[in-house]
Amino acid sequence: MAIEVRIPTILRQYTDGQKAVEGTGDTLAELFADLETRHAGIRARLVDGEAGDQLRRFVNVYLNDEDVRFLDGINTKVSDGDNVTILPAVAGGMA
């Protein structure tokens, strides 16, 4: 069994158009590193910092529908069977 990661449209160029991919790891950081091995370039769109030790400011990540910013961020523990959803923050309005 693995962890299902739901990919937003804007990042599907890294997953050959797949809406969801599977990965493994004990934390989100490990999961994103695992995804990078099969979907080159995706990790850089999700994490910031020299060591890739924090989520990008405008990327929202949910673990089983719970915002990981209110858990342990990129160090949030994940398990087989979990669902991770990546949502880019969208801003806009009228000028």
PDB file of N, CA and C in Angstrom:
ATOM      1  N   MET A   1       0.843  -1.180   0.000  1.00  0.00           N
ATOM      2  CA  MET A   1       0.000   0.000   0.000  1.00  0.00           C
ATOM      3  C   MET A   1       0.888   1.243   0.000  1.00  0.00           C
ATOM      4  N   ALA A   2       0.348   2.368  -0.431  1.00  0.00           N
ATOM      5  CA  ALA A   2       1.135   3.583  -0.521  1.00  0.00           C
ATOM      6  C   ALA A   2       0.272   4.775  -0.107  1.00  0.00           C
ATOM      7  N   ILE A   3       0.833   5.944  -0.257  1.00  0.00           N
ATOM      8  CA  ILE A   3       0.153   7.191   0.048  1.00  0.00           C
ATOM      9  C   ILE A   3      -0.304   7.805  -1.272  1.00  0.00           C
ATOM     10  N   GLU A   4      -1.581   8.136  -1.366  1.00  0.00           N
ATOM     11  CA  GLU A   4      -2.098   8.774  -2.570  1.00  0.00           C
ATOM     12  C   GLU A   4      -1.902  10.273  -2.468  1.00  0.00           C
ATOM     13  N   VAL A   5      -1.360  10.862  -3.530  1.00  0.00           N
ATOM     14  CA  VAL A   5      -1.139  12.303  -3.578  1.00  0.00           C
ATOM     15  C   VAL A   5      -1.958  12.855  -4.737  1.00  0.00           C
ATOM     16  N   ARG A   6      -2.899  13.737  -4.424  1.00  0.00           N
ATOM     17  CA  ARG A   6      -3.728  14.366  -5.453  1.00  0.00           C
ATOM     18  C   ARG A   6      -3.014  15.605  -5.970  1.00  0.00           C
ATOM     19  N   ILE A   7      -2.890  15.656  -7.285  1.00  0.00           N
ATOM     20  CA  ILE A   7      -2.088  16.687  -7.941  1.00  0.00           C
ATOM     21  C   ILE A   7      -3.003  17.731  -8.592  1.00  0.00           C
ATOM     22  N   PRO A   8      -2.784  19.023  -8.317  1.00  0.00           N
ATOM     23  CA  PRO A   8      -3.599  20.057  -8.961  1.00  0.00           C
ATOM     24  C   PRO A   8      -3.217  20.191 -10.439  1.00  0.00           C
ATOM     25  N   THR A   9      -4.122  20.718 -11.217  1.00  0.00           N
ATOM     26  CA  THR A   9      -3.915  20.860 -12.659  1.00  0.00           C
ATOM     27  C   THR A   9      -2.594  21.544 -12.987  1.00  0.00           C
ATOM     28  N   ILE A  10      -2.247  22.584 -12.266  1.00  0.00           N
ATOM     29  CA  ILE A  10      -1.044  23.358 -12.567  1.00  0.00           C
ATOM     30  C   ILE A  10       0.254  22.546 -12.404  1.00  0.00           C
ATOM     31  N   LEU A  11       0.219  21.478 -11.617  1.00  0.00           N
ATOM     32  CA  LEU A  11       1.421  20.652 -11.408  1.00  0.00           C
ATOM     33  C   LEU A  11       1.391  19.337 -12.184  1.00  0.00           C
ATOM     34  N   ARG A  12       0.355  19.100 -12.945  1.00  0.00           N
ATOM     35  CA  ARG A  12       0.250  17.828 -13.667  1.00  0.00           C
ATOM     36  C   ARG A  12       1.254  17.684 -14.797  1.00  0.00           C
ATOM     37  N   GLN A  13       1.876  18.771 -15.188  1.00  0.00           N
ATOM     38  CA  GLN A  13       2.942  18.675 -16.189  1.00  0.00           C
ATOM     39  C   GLN A  13       4.108  17.828 -15.673  1.00  0.00           C
ATOM     40  N   TYR A  14       4.237  17.740 -14.364  1.00  0.00           N
ATOM     41  CA  TYR A  14       5.304  16.938 -13.756  1.00  0.00           C
ATOM     42  C   TYR A  14       4.908  15.475 -13.583  1.00  0.00           C
ATOM     43  N   THR A  15       3.607  15.188 -13.696  1.00  0.00           N
ATOM     44  CA  THR A  15       3.124  13.821 -13.473  1.00  0.00           C
ATOM     45  C   THR A  15       2.522  13.220 -14.747  1.00  0.00           C
ATOM     46  N   ASP A  16       2.930  13.737 -15.891  1.00  0.00           N
ATOM     47  CA  ASP A  16       2.402  13.261 -17.175  1.00  0.00           C
ATOM     48  C   ASP A  16       0.887  13.323 -17.221  1.00  0.00           C
ATOM     49  N   GLY A  17       0.324  14.348 -16.620  1.00  0.00           N
ATOM     50  CA  GLY A  17      -1.113  14.566 -16.657  1.00  0.00           C
ATOM     51  C   GLY A  17      -1.924  13.795 -15.635  1.00  0.00           C
ATOM     52  N   GLN A  18      -1.267  13.000 -14.809  1.00  0.00           N
ATOM     53  CA  GLN A  18      -1.995  12.208 -13.811  1.00  0.00           C
ATOM     54  C   GLN A  18      -2.591  13.103 -12.726  1.00  0.00           C
ATOM     55  N   LYS A  19      -3.840  12.835 -12.364  1.00  0.00           N
ATOM     56  CA  LYS A  19      -4.531  13.580 -11.309  1.00  0.00           C
ATOM     57  C   LYS A  19      -4.088  13.149  -9.926  1.00  0.00           C
ATOM     58  N   ALA A  20      -3.626  11.916  -9.816  1.00  0.00           N
ATOM     59  CA  ALA A  20      -3.165  11.390  -8.528  1.00  0.00           C
ATOM     60  C   ALA A  20      -1.999  10.447  -8.792  1.00  0.00           C
ATOM     61  N   VAL A  21      -1.037  10.463  -7.876  1.00  0.00           N
ATOM     62  CA  VAL A  21       0.121   9.573  -7.951  1.00  0.00           C
ATOM     63  C   VAL A  21       0.317   8.960  -6.575  1.00  0.00           C
ATOM     64  N   GLU A  22       1.116   7.923  -6.517  1.00  0.00           N
ATOM     65  CA  GLU A  22       1.396   7.276  -5.235  1.00  0.00           C
ATOM     66  C   GLU A  22       2.852   7.475  -4.861  1.00  0.00           C
ATOM     67  N   GLY A  23       3.094   7.522  -3.561  1.00  0.00           N
ATOM     68  CA  GLY A  23       4.438   7.666  -3.057  1.00  0.00           C
ATOM     69  C   GLY A  23       4.559   7.026  -1.691  1.00  0.00           C
ATOM     70  N   THR A  24       5.788   7.044  -1.171  1.00  0.00           N
ATOM     71  CA  THR A  24       6.046   6.470   0.148  1.00  0.00           C
ATOM     72  C   THR A  24       6.906   7.426   0.956  1.00  0.00           C
ATOM     73  N   GLY A  25       6.934   7.209   2.249  1.00  0.00           N
ATOM     74  CA  GLY A  25       7.755   8.002   3.151  1.00  0.00           C
ATOM     75  C   GLY A  25       7.108   8.031   4.523  1.00  0.00           C
ATOM     76  N   ASP A  26       7.890   8.426   5.509  1.00  0.00           N
ATOM     77  CA  ASP A  26       7.380   8.528   6.875  1.00  0.00           C
ATOM     78  C   ASP A  26       6.893   9.932   7.207  1.00  0.00           C
ATOM     79  N   THR A  27       7.361  10.927   6.434  1.00  0.00           N
ATOM     80  CA  THR A  27       6.958  12.313   6.625  1.00  0.00           C
ATOM     81  C   THR A  27       6.641  12.911   5.260  1.00  0.00           C
ATOM     82  N   LEU A  28       6.028  14.087   5.251  1.00  0.00           N
ATOM     83  CA  LEU A  28       5.778  14.758   3.976  1.00  0.00           C
ATOM     84  C   LEU A  28       7.083  15.036   3.240  1.00  0.00           C
ATOM     85  N   ALA A  29       8.120  15.425   3.965  1.00  0.00           N
ATOM     86  CA  ALA A  29       9.411  15.691   3.330  1.00  0.00           C
ATOM     87  C   ALA A  29       9.915  14.452   2.592  1.00  0.00           C
ATOM     88  N   GLU A  30       9.821  13.293   3.225  1.00  0.00           N
ATOM     89  CA  GLU A  30      10.249  12.046   2.587  1.00  0.00           C
ATOM     90  C   GLU A  30       9.340  11.680   1.425  1.00  0.00           C
ATOM     91  N   LEU A  31       8.053  11.920   1.576  1.00  0.00           N
ATOM     92  CA  LEU A  31       7.102  11.652   0.497  1.00  0.00           C
ATOM     93  C   LEU A  31       7.429  12.508  -0.720  1.00  0.00           C
ATOM     94  N   PHE A  32       7.688  13.798  -0.519  1.00  0.00           N
ATOM     95  CA  PHE A  32       8.005  14.683  -1.638  1.00  0.00           C
ATOM     96  C   PHE A  32       9.329  14.287  -2.294  1.00  0.00           C
ATOM     97  N   ALA A  33      10.300  13.847  -1.505  1.00  0.00           N
ATOM     98  CA  ALA A  33      11.570  13.371  -2.064  1.00  0.00           C
ATOM     99  C   ALA A  33      11.334  12.116  -2.898  1.00  0.00           C
ATOM    100  N   ASP A  34      10.465  11.227  -2.422  1.00  0.00           N
ATOM    101  CA  ASP A  34      10.132  10.019  -3.169  1.00  0.00           C
ATOM    102  C   ASP A  34       9.435  10.369  -4.474  1.00  0.00           C
ATOM    103  N   LEU A  35       8.500  11.314  -4.453  1.00  0.00           N
ATOM    104  CA  LEU A  35       7.816  11.732  -5.672  1.00  0.00           C
ATOM    105  C   LEU A  35       8.804  12.293  -6.694  1.00  0.00           C
ATOM    106  N   GLU A  36       9.799  13.015  -6.201  1.00  0.00           N
ATOM    107  CA  GLU A  36      10.800  13.624  -7.080  1.00  0.00           C
ATOM    108  C   GLU A  36      11.554  12.571  -7.893  1.00  0.00           C
ATOM    109  N   THR A  37      11.715  11.370  -7.347  1.00  0.00           N
ATOM    110  CA  THR A  37      12.455  10.320  -8.068  1.00  0.00           C
ATOM    111  C   THR A  37      11.722   9.862  -9.321  1.00  0.00           C
ATOM    112  N   ARG A  38      10.399  10.009  -9.339  1.00  0.00           N
ATOM    113  CA  ARG A  38       9.613   9.590 -10.509  1.00  0.00           C
ATOM    114  C   ARG A  38       9.007  10.759 -11.274  1.00  0.00           C
ATOM    115  N   HIS A  39       8.936  11.914 -10.646  1.00  0.00           N
ATOM    116  CA  HIS A  39       8.291  13.087 -11.240  1.00  0.00           C
ATOM    117  C   HIS A  39       9.216  14.289 -11.058  1.00  0.00           C
ATOM    118  N   ALA A  40      10.301  14.290 -11.788  1.00  0.00           N
ATOM    119  CA  ALA A  40      11.346  15.305 -11.649  1.00  0.00           C
ATOM    120  C   ALA A  40      10.782  16.720 -11.764  1.00  0.00           C
ATOM    121  N   GLY A  41      11.176  17.566 -10.818  1.00  0.00           N
ATOM    122  CA  GLY A  41      10.784  18.964 -10.804  1.00  0.00           C
ATOM    123  C   GLY A  41       9.634  19.293  -9.877  1.00  0.00           C
ATOM    124  N   ILE A  42       8.885  18.292  -9.449  1.00  0.00           N
ATOM    125  CA  ILE A  42       7.698  18.573  -8.626  1.00  0.00           C
ATOM    126  C   ILE A  42       8.074  19.060  -7.225  1.00  0.00           C
ATOM    127  N   ARG A  43       9.136  18.508  -6.668  1.00  0.00           N
ATOM    128  CA  ARG A  43       9.517  18.867  -5.295  1.00  0.00           C
ATOM    129  C   ARG A  43       9.828  20.363  -5.173  1.00  0.00           C
ATOM    130  N   ALA A  44      10.511  20.915  -6.174  1.00  0.00           N
ATOM    131  CA  ALA A  44      10.872  22.331  -6.139  1.00  0.00           C
ATOM    132  C   ALA A  44       9.647  23.235  -6.149  1.00  0.00           C
ATOM    133  N   ARG A  45       8.534  22.732  -6.648  1.00  0.00           N
ATOM    134  CA  ARG A  45       7.290  23.497  -6.658  1.00  0.00           C
ATOM    135  C   ARG A  45       6.548  23.431  -5.326  1.00  0.00           C
ATOM    136  N   LEU A  46       6.991  22.533  -4.453  1.00  0.00           N
ATOM    137  CA  LEU A  46       6.291  22.323  -3.182  1.00  0.00           C
ATOM    138  C   LEU A  46       7.047  22.847  -1.973  1.00  0.00           C
ATOM    139  N   VAL A  47       8.371  22.830  -2.028  1.00  0.00           N
ATOM    140  CA  VAL A  47       9.163  23.204  -0.850  1.00  0.00           C
ATOM    141  C   VAL A  47      10.103  24.356  -1.144  1.00  0.00           C
ATOM    142  N   ASP A  48      10.468  25.051  -0.090  1.00  0.00           N
ATOM    143  CA  ASP A  48      11.357  26.204  -0.129  1.00  0.00           C
ATOM    144  C   ASP A  48      12.501  25.997   0.850  1.00  0.00           C
ATOM    145  N   GLY A  49      13.395  26.941   0.876  1.00  0.00           N
ATOM    146  CA  GLY A  49      14.510  26.873   1.808  1.00  0.00           C
ATOM    147  C   GLY A  49      15.666  26.123   1.170  1.00  0.00           C
ATOM    148  N   GLU A  50      16.862  26.434   1.601  1.00  0.00           N
ATOM    149  CA  GLU A  50      18.054  25.795   1.037  1.00  0.00           C
ATOM    150  C   GLU A  50      18.007  24.285   1.155  1.00  0.00           C
ATOM    151  N   ALA A  51      17.517  23.819   2.274  1.00  0.00           N
ATOM    152  CA  ALA A  51      17.464  22.375   2.498  1.00  0.00           C
ATOM    153  C   ALA A  51      16.101  21.802   2.122  1.00  0.00           C
ATOM    154  N   GLY A  52      15.227  22.629   1.548  1.00  0.00           N
ATOM    155  CA  GLY A  52      13.886  22.160   1.238  1.00  0.00           C
ATOM    156  C   GLY A  52      13.135  21.781   2.493  1.00  0.00           C
ATOM    157  N   ASP A  53      13.311  22.618   3.515  1.00  0.00           N
ATOM    158  CA  ASP A  53      12.797  22.262   4.833  1.00  0.00           C
ATOM    159  C   ASP A  53      11.503  22.965   5.225  1.00  0.00           C
ATOM    160  N   GLN A  54      10.849  23.607   4.266  1.00  0.00           N
ATOM    161  CA  GLN A  54       9.573  24.247   4.563  1.00  0.00           C
ATOM    162  C   GLN A  54       8.700  24.263   3.316  1.00  0.00           C
ATOM    163  N   LEU A  55       7.409  24.266   3.535  1.00  0.00           N
ATOM    164  CA  LEU A  55       6.478  24.338   2.415  1.00  0.00           C
ATOM    165  C   LEU A  55       6.523  25.723   1.802  1.00  0.00           C
ATOM    166  N   ARG A  56       6.337  25.790   0.493  1.00  0.00           N
ATOM    167  CA  ARG A  56       6.243  27.094  -0.155  1.00  0.00           C
ATOM    168  C   ARG A  56       5.033  27.842   0.407  1.00  0.00           C
ATOM    169  N   ARG A  57       5.161  29.129   0.444  1.00  0.00           N
ATOM    170  CA  ARG A  57       4.145  29.979   1.064  1.00  0.00           C
ATOM    171  C   ARG A  57       2.773  29.838   0.414  1.00  0.00           C
ATOM    172  N   PHE A  58       2.729  29.704  -0.900  1.00  0.00           N
ATOM    173  CA  PHE A  58       1.450  29.684  -1.597  1.00  0.00           C
ATOM    174  C   PHE A  58       1.032  28.289  -2.042  1.00  0.00           C
ATOM    175  N   VAL A  59       1.508  27.283  -1.330  1.00  0.00           N
ATOM    176  CA  VAL A  59       1.084  25.905  -1.578  1.00  0.00           C
ATOM    177  C   VAL A  59       0.437  25.384  -0.301  1.00  0.00           C
ATOM    178  N   ASN A  60      -0.785  24.933  -0.431  1.00  0.00           N
ATOM    179  CA  ASN A  60      -1.493  24.351   0.705  1.00  0.00           C
ATOM    180  C   ASN A  60      -1.478  22.843   0.566  1.00  0.00           C
ATOM    181  N   VAL A  61      -1.142  22.163   1.648  1.00  0.00           N
ATOM    182  CA  VAL A  61      -1.087  20.703   1.642  1.00  0.00           C
ATOM    183  C   VAL A  61      -2.001  20.188   2.745  1.00  0.00           C
ATOM    184  N   TYR A  62      -2.813  19.218   2.387  1.00  0.00           N
ATOM    185  CA  TYR A  62      -3.758  18.629   3.333  1.00  0.00           C
ATOM    186  C   TYR A  62      -3.487  17.141   3.473  1.00  0.00           C
ATOM    187  N   LEU A  63      -3.440  16.676   4.684  1.00  0.00           N
ATOM    188  CA  LEU A  63      -3.293  15.259   4.986  1.00  0.00           C
ATOM    189  C   LEU A  63      -4.636  14.770   5.503  1.00  0.00           C
ATOM    190  N   ASN A  64      -5.270  13.911   4.733  1.00  0.00           N
ATOM    191  CA  ASN A  64      -6.606  13.420   5.110  1.00  0.00           C
ATOM    192  C   ASN A  64      -7.533  14.579   5.463  1.00  0.00           C
ATOM    193  N   ASP A  65      -7.526  15.609   4.622  1.00  0.00           N
ATOM    194  CA  ASP A  65      -8.376  16.801   4.740  1.00  0.00           C
ATOM    195  C   ASP A  65      -8.003  17.745   5.874  1.00  0.00           C
ATOM    196  N   GLU A  66      -6.843  17.571   6.494  1.00  0.00           N
ATOM    197  CA  GLU A  66      -6.397  18.460   7.565  1.00  0.00           C
ATOM    198  C   GLU A  66      -5.169  19.243   7.091  1.00  0.00           C
ATOM    199  N   ASP A  67      -5.210  20.555   7.234  1.00  0.00           N
ATOM    200  CA  ASP A  67      -4.130  21.430   6.799  1.00  0.00           C
ATOM    201  C   ASP A  67      -2.858  21.118   7.587  1.00  0.00           C
ATOM    202  N   VAL A  68      -1.775  20.753   6.885  1.00  0.00           N
ATOM    203  CA  VAL A  68      -0.544  20.354   7.577  1.00  0.00           C
ATOM    204  C   VAL A  68       0.152  21.525   8.260  1.00  0.00           C
ATOM    205  N   ARG A  69      -0.206  22.741   7.919  1.00  0.00           N
ATOM    206  CA  ARG A  69       0.376  23.901   8.606  1.00  0.00           C
ATOM    207  C   ARG A  69      -0.046  23.912  10.078  1.00  0.00           C
ATOM    208  N   PHE A  70      -1.155  23.270  10.379  1.00  0.00           N
ATOM    209  CA  PHE A  70      -1.619  23.192  11.764  1.00  0.00           C
ATOM    210  C   PHE A  70      -1.173  21.890  12.420  1.00  0.00           C
ATOM    211  N   LEU A  71      -0.419  21.099  11.690  1.00  0.00           N
ATOM    212  CA  LEU A  71       0.172  19.870  12.236  1.00  0.00           C
ATOM    213  C   LEU A  71       1.661  20.152  12.392  1.00  0.00           C
ATOM    214  N   ASP A  72       2.515  19.397  11.722  1.00  0.00           N
ATOM    215  CA  ASP A  72       3.958  19.630  11.812  1.00  0.00           C
ATOM    216  C   ASP A  72       4.560  20.085  10.494  1.00  0.00           C
ATOM    217  N   GLY A  73       3.754  20.708   9.633  1.00  0.00           N
ATOM    218  CA  GLY A  73       4.258  21.198   8.366  1.00  0.00           C
ATOM    219  C   GLY A  73       4.885  20.089   7.549  1.00  0.00           C
ATOM    220  N   ILE A  74       6.041  20.357   7.003  1.00  0.00           N
ATOM    221  CA  ILE A  74       6.719  19.384   6.144  1.00  0.00           C
ATOM    222  C   ILE A  74       7.189  18.152   6.909  1.00  0.00           C
ATOM    223  N   ASN A  75       7.243  18.264   8.220  1.00  0.00           N
ATOM    224  CA  ASN A  75       7.641  17.126   9.055  1.00  0.00           C
ATOM    225  C   ASN A  75       6.452  16.306   9.558  1.00  0.00           C
ATOM    226  N   THR A  76       5.274  16.589   9.038  1.00  0.00           N
ATOM    227  CA  THR A  76       4.074  15.840   9.419  1.00  0.00           C
ATOM    228  C   THR A  76       4.246  14.374   9.048  1.00  0.00           C
ATOM    229  N   LYS A  77       3.939  13.500   9.974  1.00  0.00           N
ATOM    230  CA  LYS A  77       4.030  12.061   9.743  1.00  0.00           C
ATOM    231  C   LYS A  77       2.919  11.615   8.798  1.00  0.00           C
ATOM    232  N   VAL A  78       3.261  10.701   7.890  1.00  0.00           N
ATOM    233  CA  VAL A  78       2.290  10.109   6.985  1.00  0.00           C
ATOM    234  C   VAL A  78       2.398   8.594   7.076  1.00  0.00           C
ATOM    235  N   SER A  79       1.313   7.912   6.703  1.00  0.00           N
ATOM    236  CA  SER A  79       1.270   6.457   6.781  1.00  0.00           C
ATOM    237  C   SER A  79       0.630   5.891   5.526  1.00  0.00           C
ATOM    238  N   ASP A  80       0.898   4.614   5.273  1.00  0.00           N
ATOM    239  CA  ASP A  80       0.244   3.929   4.160  1.00  0.00           C
ATOM    240  C   ASP A  80      -1.255   4.115   4.254  1.00  0.00           C
ATOM    241  N   GLY A  81      -1.877   4.398   3.129  1.00  0.00           N
ATOM    242  CA  GLY A  81      -3.317   4.585   3.087  1.00  0.00           C
ATOM    243  C   GLY A  81      -3.764   6.019   3.265  1.00  0.00           C
ATOM    244  N   ASP A  82      -2.840   6.908   3.659  1.00  0.00           N
ATOM    245  CA  ASP A  82      -3.184   8.322   3.806  1.00  0.00           C
ATOM    246  C   ASP A  82      -3.428   8.942   2.434  1.00  0.00           C
ATOM    247  N   ASN A  83      -4.159  10.055   2.448  1.00  0.00           N
ATOM    248  CA  ASN A  83      -4.394  10.856   1.247  1.00  0.00           C
ATOM    249  C   ASN A  83      -3.798  12.236   1.472  1.00  0.00           C
ATOM    250  N   VAL A  84      -2.984  12.673   0.536  1.00  0.00           N
ATOM    251  CA  VAL A  84      -2.391  14.005   0.588  1.00  0.00           C
ATOM    252  C   VAL A  84      -2.939  14.786  -0.609  1.00  0.00           C
ATOM    253  N   THR A  85      -3.431  15.971  -0.340  1.00  0.00           N
ATOM    254  CA  THR A  85      -3.957  16.831  -1.391  1.00  0.00           C
ATOM    255  C   THR A  85      -3.107  18.088  -1.444  1.00  0.00           C
ATOM    256  N   ILE A  86      -2.658  18.430  -2.643  1.00  0.00           N
ATOM    257  CA  ILE A  86      -1.870  19.642  -2.852  1.00  0.00           C
ATOM    258  C   ILE A  86      -2.765  20.650  -3.558  1.00  0.00           C
ATOM    259  N   LEU A  87      -2.874  21.844  -2.975  1.00  0.00           N
ATOM    260  CA  LEU A  87      -3.682  22.904  -3.568  1.00  0.00           C
ATOM    261  C   LEU A  87      -2.880  24.191  -3.604  1.00  0.00           C
ATOM    262  N   PRO A  88      -2.658  24.735  -4.786  1.00  0.00           N
ATOM    263  CA  PRO A  88      -1.982  26.029  -4.838  1.00  0.00           C
ATOM    264  C   PRO A  88      -2.950  27.120  -4.374  1.00  0.00           C
ATOM    265  N   ALA A  89      -2.451  28.053  -3.608  1.00  0.00           N
ATOM    266  CA  ALA A  89      -3.287  29.172  -3.172  1.00  0.00           C
ATOM    267  C   ALA A  89      -3.574  30.030  -4.387  1.00  0.00           C
ATOM    268  N   VAL A  90      -4.799  30.478  -4.485  1.00  0.00           N
ATOM    269  CA  VAL A  90      -5.204  31.303  -5.615  1.00  0.00           C
ATOM    270  C   VAL A  90      -5.619  32.661  -5.081  1.00  0.00           C
ATOM    271  N   ALA A  91      -5.062  33.682  -5.686  1.00  0.00           N
ATOM    272  CA  ALA A  91      -5.401  35.042  -5.286  1.00  0.00           C
ATOM    273  C   ALA A  91      -5.871  35.790  -6.527  1.00  0.00           C
ATOM    274  N   GLY A  92      -6.605  36.784  -6.306  1.00  0.00           N
ATOM    275  CA  GLY A  92      -7.068  37.570  -7.436  1.00  0.00           C
ATOM    276  C   GLY A  92      -8.084  38.577  -6.983  1.00  0.00           C
ATOM    277  N   GLY A  93      -8.602  39.251  -7.908  1.00  0.00           N
ATOM    278  CA  GLY A  93      -9.596  40.261  -7.588  1.00  0.00           C
ATOM    279  C   GLY A  93      -9.614  41.307  -8.666  1.00  0.00           C
ATOM    280  N   MET A  94     -10.327  42.331  -8.395  1.00  0.00           N
ATOM    281  CA  MET A  94     -10.443  43.413  -9.371  1.00  0.00           C
ATOM    282  C   MET A  94      -9.467  44.517  -9.020  1.00  0.00           C
ATOM    283  N   ALA A  95      -8.875  45.084 -10.023  1.00  0.00           N
ATOM    284  CA  ALA A  95      -7.927  46.174  -9.803  1.00  0.00           C
ATOM    285  C   ALA A  95      -8.625  47.498  -9.784  1.00  0.00           C
TER     286      ALA A  95
END
